[in-house]
Amino acid sequence: MSEAVIDTVVEAHRRCRELDVLVSVATPSAPARRLLQARTGGRDDHGARLVIHARVDTAITTSDAAA
């Protein structure tokens, strides 16, 4: 996952937080997951969450269950 992609995910999370929207992302890269977690905190003051998954199938199942 490139720095540009991480920046885009962080920006999408920032924009969605006012809407209290769950944002889910999947990447097999452990360093990218750690960086996303560090840059977003996973949860912000508004309660919007960024859920970071290692596998796409898990991300889809989780998002479907949350809907």
PDB file of N, CA and C in Angstrom:
ATOM      1  N   MET A   1       0.862  -1.160   0.000  1.00  0.00           N
ATOM      2  CA  MET A   1       0.000   0.000   0.000  1.00  0.00           C
ATOM      3  C   MET A   1       0.910   1.224   0.000  1.00  0.00           C
ATOM      4  N   SER A   2       0.735   2.090  -0.980  1.00  0.00           N
ATOM      5  CA  SER A   2       1.595   3.264  -1.114  1.00  0.00           C
ATOM      6  C   SER A   2       1.189   4.369  -0.143  1.00  0.00           C
ATOM      7  N   GLU A   3       2.084   5.311   0.036  1.00  0.00           N
ATOM      8  CA  GLU A   3       1.808   6.460   0.902  1.00  0.00           C
ATOM      9  C   GLU A   3       0.595   7.243   0.396  1.00  0.00           C
ATOM     10  N   ALA A   4       0.446   7.337  -0.936  1.00  0.00           N
ATOM     11  CA  ALA A   4      -0.702   8.056  -1.512  1.00  0.00           C
ATOM     12  C   ALA A   4      -2.012   7.367  -1.163  1.00  0.00           C
ATOM     13  N   VAL A   5      -2.023   6.045  -1.180  1.00  0.00           N
ATOM     14  CA  VAL A   5      -3.237   5.303  -0.825  1.00  0.00           C
ATOM     15  C   VAL A   5      -3.551   5.493   0.655  1.00  0.00           C
ATOM     16  N   ILE A   6      -2.534   5.427   1.497  1.00  0.00           N
ATOM     17  CA  ILE A   6      -2.745   5.642   2.929  1.00  0.00           C
ATOM     18  C   ILE A   6      -3.286   7.043   3.181  1.00  0.00           C
ATOM     19  N   ASP A   7      -2.706   8.035   2.506  1.00  0.00           N
ATOM     20  CA  ASP A   7      -3.204   9.411   2.647  1.00  0.00           C
ATOM     21  C   ASP A   7      -4.669   9.511   2.235  1.00  0.00           C
ATOM     22  N   THR A   8      -5.047   8.806   1.166  1.00  0.00           N
ATOM     23  CA  THR A   8      -6.428   8.837   0.675  1.00  0.00           C
ATOM     24  C   THR A   8      -7.380   8.195   1.676  1.00  0.00           C
ATOM     25  N   VAL A   9      -6.987   7.077   2.257  1.00  0.00           N
ATOM     26  CA  VAL A   9      -7.830   6.407   3.252  1.00  0.00           C
ATOM     27  C   VAL A   9      -7.991   7.301   4.490  1.00  0.00           C
ATOM     28  N   VAL A  10      -6.917   7.905   4.928  1.00  0.00           N
ATOM     29  CA  VAL A  10      -6.975   8.791   6.093  1.00  0.00           C
ATOM     30  C   VAL A  10      -7.890   9.980   5.799  1.00  0.00           C
ATOM     31  N   GLU A  11      -7.791  10.541   4.600  1.00  0.00           N
ATOM     32  CA  GLU A  11      -8.653  11.671   4.225  1.00  0.00           C
ATOM     33  C   GLU A  11     -10.120  11.239   4.146  1.00  0.00           C
ATOM     34  N   ALA A  12     -10.387  10.070   3.583  1.00  0.00           N
ATOM     35  CA  ALA A  12     -11.766   9.570   3.518  1.00  0.00           C
ATOM     36  C   ALA A  12     -12.328   9.383   4.925  1.00  0.00           C
ATOM     37  N   HIS A  13     -11.522   8.844   5.818  1.00  0.00           N
ATOM     38  CA  HIS A  13     -11.949   8.669   7.203  1.00  0.00           C
ATOM     39  C   HIS A  13     -12.254  10.018   7.839  1.00  0.00           C
ATOM     40  N   ARG A  14     -11.391  10.999   7.604  1.00  0.00           N
ATOM     41  CA  ARG A  14     -11.601  12.340   8.167  1.00  0.00           C
ATOM     42  C   ARG A  14     -12.920  12.934   7.678  1.00  0.00           C
ATOM     43  N   ARG A  15     -13.205  12.757   6.379  1.00  0.00           N
ATOM     44  CA  ARG A  15     -14.438  13.324   5.809  1.00  0.00           C
ATOM     45  C   ARG A  15     -15.685  12.592   6.292  1.00  0.00           C
ATOM     46  N   CYS A  16     -15.561  11.311   6.567  1.00  0.00           N
ATOM     47  CA  CYS A  16     -16.727  10.516   6.982  1.00  0.00           C
ATOM     48  C   CYS A  16     -17.025  10.635   8.475  1.00  0.00           C
ATOM     49  N   ARG A  17     -16.075  11.123   9.246  1.00  0.00           N
ATOM     50  CA  ARG A  17     -16.277  11.118  10.704  1.00  0.00           C
ATOM     51  C   ARG A  17     -17.451  11.975  11.147  1.00  0.00           C
ATOM     52  N   GLU A  18     -17.709  13.072  10.450  1.00  0.00           N
ATOM     53  CA  GLU A  18     -18.848  13.917  10.828  1.00  0.00           C
ATOM     54  C   GLU A  18     -20.176  13.231  10.542  1.00  0.00           C
ATOM     55  N   LEU A  19     -20.161  12.250   9.650  1.00  0.00           N
ATOM     56  CA  LEU A  19     -21.375  11.514   9.303  1.00  0.00           C
ATOM     57  C   LEU A  19     -21.544  10.260  10.147  1.00  0.00           C
ATOM     58  N   ASP A  20     -20.579  10.004  11.032  1.00  0.00           N
ATOM     59  CA  ASP A  20     -20.570   8.799  11.863  1.00  0.00           C
ATOM     60  C   ASP A  20     -20.665   7.538  11.006  1.00  0.00           C
ATOM     61  N   VAL A  21     -19.851   7.509   9.952  1.00  0.00           N
ATOM     62  CA  VAL A  21     -19.844   6.397   9.000  1.00  0.00           C
ATOM     63  C   VAL A  21     -18.693   5.457   9.327  1.00  0.00           C
ATOM     64  N   LEU A  22     -18.988   4.170   9.338  1.00  0.00           N
ATOM     65  CA  LEU A  22     -17.970   3.146   9.512  1.00  0.00           C
ATOM     66  C   LEU A  22     -17.183   3.021   8.212  1.00  0.00           C
ATOM     67  N   VAL A  23     -15.871   3.134   8.294  1.00  0.00           N
ATOM     68  CA  VAL A  23     -15.002   2.978   7.131  1.00  0.00           C
ATOM     69  C   VAL A  23     -14.205   1.704   7.333  1.00  0.00           C
ATOM     70  N   SER A  24     -14.238   0.830   6.332  1.00  0.00           N
ATOM     71  CA  SER A  24     -13.549  -0.440   6.410  1.00  0.00           C
ATOM     72  C   SER A  24     -12.545  -0.532   5.271  1.00  0.00           C
ATOM     73  N   VAL A  25     -11.347  -1.001   5.592  1.00  0.00           N
ATOM     74  CA  VAL A  25     -10.297  -1.128   4.586  1.00  0.00           C
ATOM     75  C   VAL A  25      -9.570  -2.450   4.829  1.00  0.00           C
ATOM     76  N   ALA A  26      -9.088  -3.049   3.738  1.00  0.00           N
ATOM     77  CA  ALA A  26      -8.356  -4.306   3.846  1.00  0.00           C
ATOM     78  C   ALA A  26      -7.011  -4.173   3.141  1.00  0.00           C
ATOM     79  N   THR A  27      -5.965  -4.630   3.810  1.00  0.00           N
ATOM     80  CA  THR A  27      -4.634  -4.700   3.219  1.00  0.00           C
ATOM     81  C   THR A  27      -3.865  -5.846   3.873  1.00  0.00           C
ATOM     82  N   PRO A  28      -3.172  -6.633   3.072  1.00  0.00           N
ATOM     83  CA  PRO A  28      -2.372  -7.705   3.658  1.00  0.00           C
ATOM     84  C   PRO A  28      -1.086  -7.193   4.302  1.00  0.00           C
ATOM     85  N   SER A  29      -0.779  -5.925   4.127  1.00  0.00           N
ATOM     86  CA  SER A  29       0.466  -5.346   4.623  1.00  0.00           C
ATOM     87  C   SER A  29       0.338  -4.951   6.098  1.00  0.00           C
ATOM     88  N   ALA A  30       1.054  -5.652   6.958  1.00  0.00           N
ATOM     89  CA  ALA A  30       1.038  -5.312   8.381  1.00  0.00           C
ATOM     90  C   ALA A  30       1.586  -3.910   8.643  1.00  0.00           C
ATOM     91  N   PRO A  31       2.674  -3.503   7.981  1.00  0.00           N
ATOM     92  CA  PRO A  31       3.151  -2.127   8.204  1.00  0.00           C
ATOM     93  C   PRO A  31       2.108  -1.074   7.797  1.00  0.00           C
ATOM     94  N   ALA A  32       1.390  -1.324   6.723  1.00  0.00           N
ATOM     95  CA  ALA A  32       0.341  -0.382   6.290  1.00  0.00           C
ATOM     96  C   ALA A  32      -0.792  -0.340   7.303  1.00  0.00           C
ATOM     97  N   ARG A  33      -1.179  -1.498   7.840  1.00  0.00           N
ATOM     98  CA  ARG A  33      -2.238  -1.522   8.861  1.00  0.00           C
ATOM     99  C   ARG A  33      -1.814  -0.747  10.099  1.00  0.00           C
ATOM    100  N   ARG A  34      -0.571  -0.925  10.524  1.00  0.00           N
ATOM    101  CA  ARG A  34      -0.073  -0.190  11.696  1.00  0.00           C
ATOM    102  C   ARG A  34      -0.042   1.310  11.429  1.00  0.00           C
ATOM    103  N   LEU A  35       0.377   1.704  10.228  1.00  0.00           N
ATOM    104  CA  LEU A  35       0.433   3.121   9.883  1.00  0.00           C
ATOM    105  C   LEU A  35      -0.966   3.729   9.848  1.00  0.00           C
ATOM    106  N   LEU A  36      -1.923   3.013   9.259  1.00  0.00           N
ATOM    107  CA  LEU A  36      -3.304   3.501   9.242  1.00  0.00           C
ATOM    108  C   LEU A  36      -3.846   3.661  10.661  1.00  0.00           C
ATOM    109  N   GLN A  37      -3.583   2.689  11.496  1.00  0.00           N
ATOM    110  CA  GLN A  37      -4.032   2.751  12.891  1.00  0.00           C
ATOM    111  C   GLN A  37      -3.412   3.946  13.600  1.00  0.00           C
ATOM    112  N   ALA A  38      -2.123   4.155  13.381  1.00  0.00           N
ATOM    113  CA  ALA A  38      -1.430   5.267  14.031  1.00  0.00           C
ATOM    114  C   ALA A  38      -1.944   6.618  13.538  1.00  0.00           C
ATOM    115  N   ARG A  39      -2.249   6.716  12.255  1.00  0.00           N
ATOM    116  CA  ARG A  39      -2.665   8.004  11.692  1.00  0.00           C
ATOM    117  C   ARG A  39      -4.127   8.331  11.945  1.00  0.00           C
ATOM    118  N   THR A  40      -4.939   7.320  12.252  1.00  0.00           N
ATOM    119  CA  THR A  40      -6.360   7.582  12.490  1.00  0.00           C
ATOM    120  C   THR A  40      -6.772   7.311  13.926  1.00  0.00           C
ATOM    121  N   GLY A  41      -6.001   6.565  14.649  1.00  0.00           N
ATOM    122  CA  GLY A  41      -6.356   6.210  16.019  1.00  0.00           C
ATOM    123  C   GLY A  41      -7.476   5.187  16.081  1.00  0.00           C
ATOM    124  N   GLY A  42      -7.977   4.761  14.915  1.00  0.00           N
ATOM    125  CA  GLY A  42      -9.053   3.782  14.892  1.00  0.00           C
ATOM    126  C   GLY A  42     -10.406   4.358  15.245  1.00  0.00           C
ATOM    127  N   ARG A  43     -10.440   5.355  16.104  1.00  0.00           N
ATOM    128  CA  ARG A  43     -11.682   5.999  16.539  1.00  0.00           C
ATOM    129  C   ARG A  43     -11.335   7.446  16.864  1.00  0.00           C
ATOM    130  N   ASP A  44     -12.228   8.340  16.514  1.00  0.00           N
ATOM    131  CA  ASP A  44     -11.956   9.742  16.824  1.00  0.00           C
ATOM    132  C   ASP A  44     -13.007  10.286  17.781  1.00  0.00           C
ATOM    133  N   ASP A  45     -12.964  11.568  18.058  1.00  0.00           N
ATOM    134  CA  ASP A  45     -13.871  12.178  19.035  1.00  0.00           C
ATOM    135  C   ASP A  45     -15.339  12.073  18.640  1.00  0.00           C
ATOM    136  N   HIS A  46     -15.616  11.947  17.347  1.00  0.00           N
ATOM    137  CA  HIS A  46     -17.003  11.876  16.874  1.00  0.00           C
ATOM    138  C   HIS A  46     -17.529  10.445  16.879  1.00  0.00           C
ATOM    139  N   GLY A  47     -16.680   9.461  17.145  1.00  0.00           N
ATOM    140  CA  GLY A  47     -17.127   8.078  17.188  1.00  0.00           C
ATOM    141  C   GLY A  47     -17.023   7.340  15.871  1.00  0.00           C
ATOM    142  N   ALA A  48     -16.620   8.026  14.794  1.00  0.00           N
ATOM    143  CA  ALA A  48     -16.465   7.345  13.513  1.00  0.00           C
ATOM    144  C   ALA A  48     -15.272   6.404  13.604  1.00  0.00           C
ATOM    145  N   ARG A  49     -15.441   5.223  13.057  1.00  0.00           N
ATOM    146  CA  ARG A  49     -14.399   4.218  13.173  1.00  0.00           C
ATOM    147  C   ARG A  49     -13.801   3.877  11.828  1.00  0.00           C
ATOM    148  N   LEU A  50     -12.523   3.555  11.852  1.00  0.00           N
ATOM    149  CA  LEU A  50     -11.847   2.972  10.709  1.00  0.00           C
ATOM    150  C   LEU A  50     -11.493   1.552  11.119  1.00  0.00           C
ATOM    151  N   VAL A  51     -12.084   0.587  10.458  1.00  0.00           N
ATOM    152  CA  VAL A  51     -11.818  -0.814  10.744  1.00  0.00           C
ATOM    153  C   VAL A  51     -10.825  -1.307   9.711  1.00  0.00           C
ATOM    154  N   ILE A  52      -9.717  -1.842  10.176  1.00  0.00           N
ATOM    155  CA  ILE A  52      -8.634  -2.253   9.293  1.00  0.00           C
ATOM    156  C   ILE A  52      -8.520  -3.771   9.354  1.00  0.00           C
ATOM    157  N   HIS A  53      -8.666  -4.412   8.199  1.00  0.00           N
ATOM    158  CA  HIS A  53      -8.626  -5.870   8.103  1.00  0.00           C
ATOM    159  C   HIS A  53      -7.397  -6.326   7.329  1.00  0.00           C
ATOM    160  N   ALA A  54      -6.960  -7.539   7.604  1.00  0.00           N
ATOM    161  CA  ALA A  54      -5.844  -8.132   6.876  1.00  0.00           C
ATOM    162  C   ALA A  54      -6.325  -8.842   5.609  1.00  0.00           C
ATOM    163  N   ARG A  55      -7.594  -9.257   5.603  1.00  0.00           N
ATOM    164  CA  ARG A  55      -8.118 -10.025   4.459  1.00  0.00           C
ATOM    165  C   ARG A  55      -9.397  -9.396   3.938  1.00  0.00           C
ATOM    166  N   VAL A  56      -9.552  -9.428   2.629  1.00  0.00           N
ATOM    167  CA  VAL A  56     -10.721  -8.833   1.982  1.00  0.00           C
ATOM    168  C   VAL A  56     -11.992  -9.570   2.372  1.00  0.00           C
ATOM    169  N   ASP A  57     -11.960 -10.898   2.418  1.00  0.00           N
ATOM    170  CA  ASP A  57     -13.174 -11.647   2.746  1.00  0.00           C
ATOM    171  C   ASP A  57     -13.684 -11.302   4.145  1.00  0.00           C
ATOM    172  N   THR A  58     -12.778 -11.083   5.077  1.00  0.00           N
ATOM    173  CA  THR A  58     -13.167 -10.688   6.423  1.00  0.00           C
ATOM    174  C   THR A  58     -13.773  -9.284   6.422  1.00  0.00           C
ATOM    175  N   ALA A  59     -13.185  -8.384   5.652  1.00  0.00           N
ATOM    176  CA  ALA A  59     -13.713  -7.018   5.555  1.00  0.00           C
ATOM    177  C   ALA A  59     -15.129  -7.015   4.985  1.00  0.00           C
ATOM    178  N   ILE A  60     -15.359  -7.819   3.955  1.00  0.00           N
ATOM    179  CA  ILE A  60     -16.696  -7.870   3.329  1.00  0.00           C
ATOM    180  C   ILE A  60     -17.706  -8.471   4.295  1.00  0.00           C
ATOM    181  N   THR A  61     -17.347  -9.554   4.957  1.00  0.00           N
ATOM    182  CA  THR A  61     -18.253 -10.200   5.912  1.00  0.00           C
ATOM    183  C   THR A  61     -18.604  -9.253   7.056  1.00  0.00           C
ATOM    184  N   THR A  62     -17.603  -8.573   7.581  1.00  0.00           N
ATOM    185  CA  THR A  62     -17.821  -7.646   8.687  1.00  0.00           C
ATOM    186  C   THR A  62     -18.693  -6.474   8.266  1.00  0.00           C
ATOM    187  N   SER A  63     -18.424  -5.921   7.088  1.00  0.00           N
ATOM    188  CA  SER A  63     -19.214  -4.781   6.598  1.00  0.00           C
ATOM    189  C   SER A  63     -20.653  -5.207   6.353  1.00  0.00           C
ATOM    190  N   ASP A  64     -20.835  -6.397   5.816  1.00  0.00           N
ATOM    191  CA  ASP A  64     -22.196  -6.904   5.570  1.00  0.00           C
ATOM    192  C   ASP A  64     -22.943  -7.072   6.881  1.00  0.00           C
ATOM    193  N   ALA A  65     -22.272  -7.584   7.898  1.00  0.00           N
ATOM    194  CA  ALA A  65     -22.907  -7.793   9.193  1.00  0.00           C
ATOM    195  C   ALA A  65     -23.237  -6.469   9.878  1.00  0.00           C
ATOM    196  N   ALA A  66     -22.417  -5.435   9.632  1.00  0.00           N
ATOM    197  CA  ALA A  66     -22.631  -4.128  10.271  1.00  0.00           C
ATOM    198  C   ALA A  66     -23.744  -3.336   9.585  1.00  0.00           C
ATOM    199  N   ALA A  67     -24.078  -3.694   8.365  1.00  0.00           N
ATOM    200  CA  ALA A  67     -25.076  -2.921   7.595  1.00  0.00           C
ATOM    201  C   ALA A  67     -26.479  -3.170   8.062  1.00  0.00           C
TER     202      ALA A  67
END
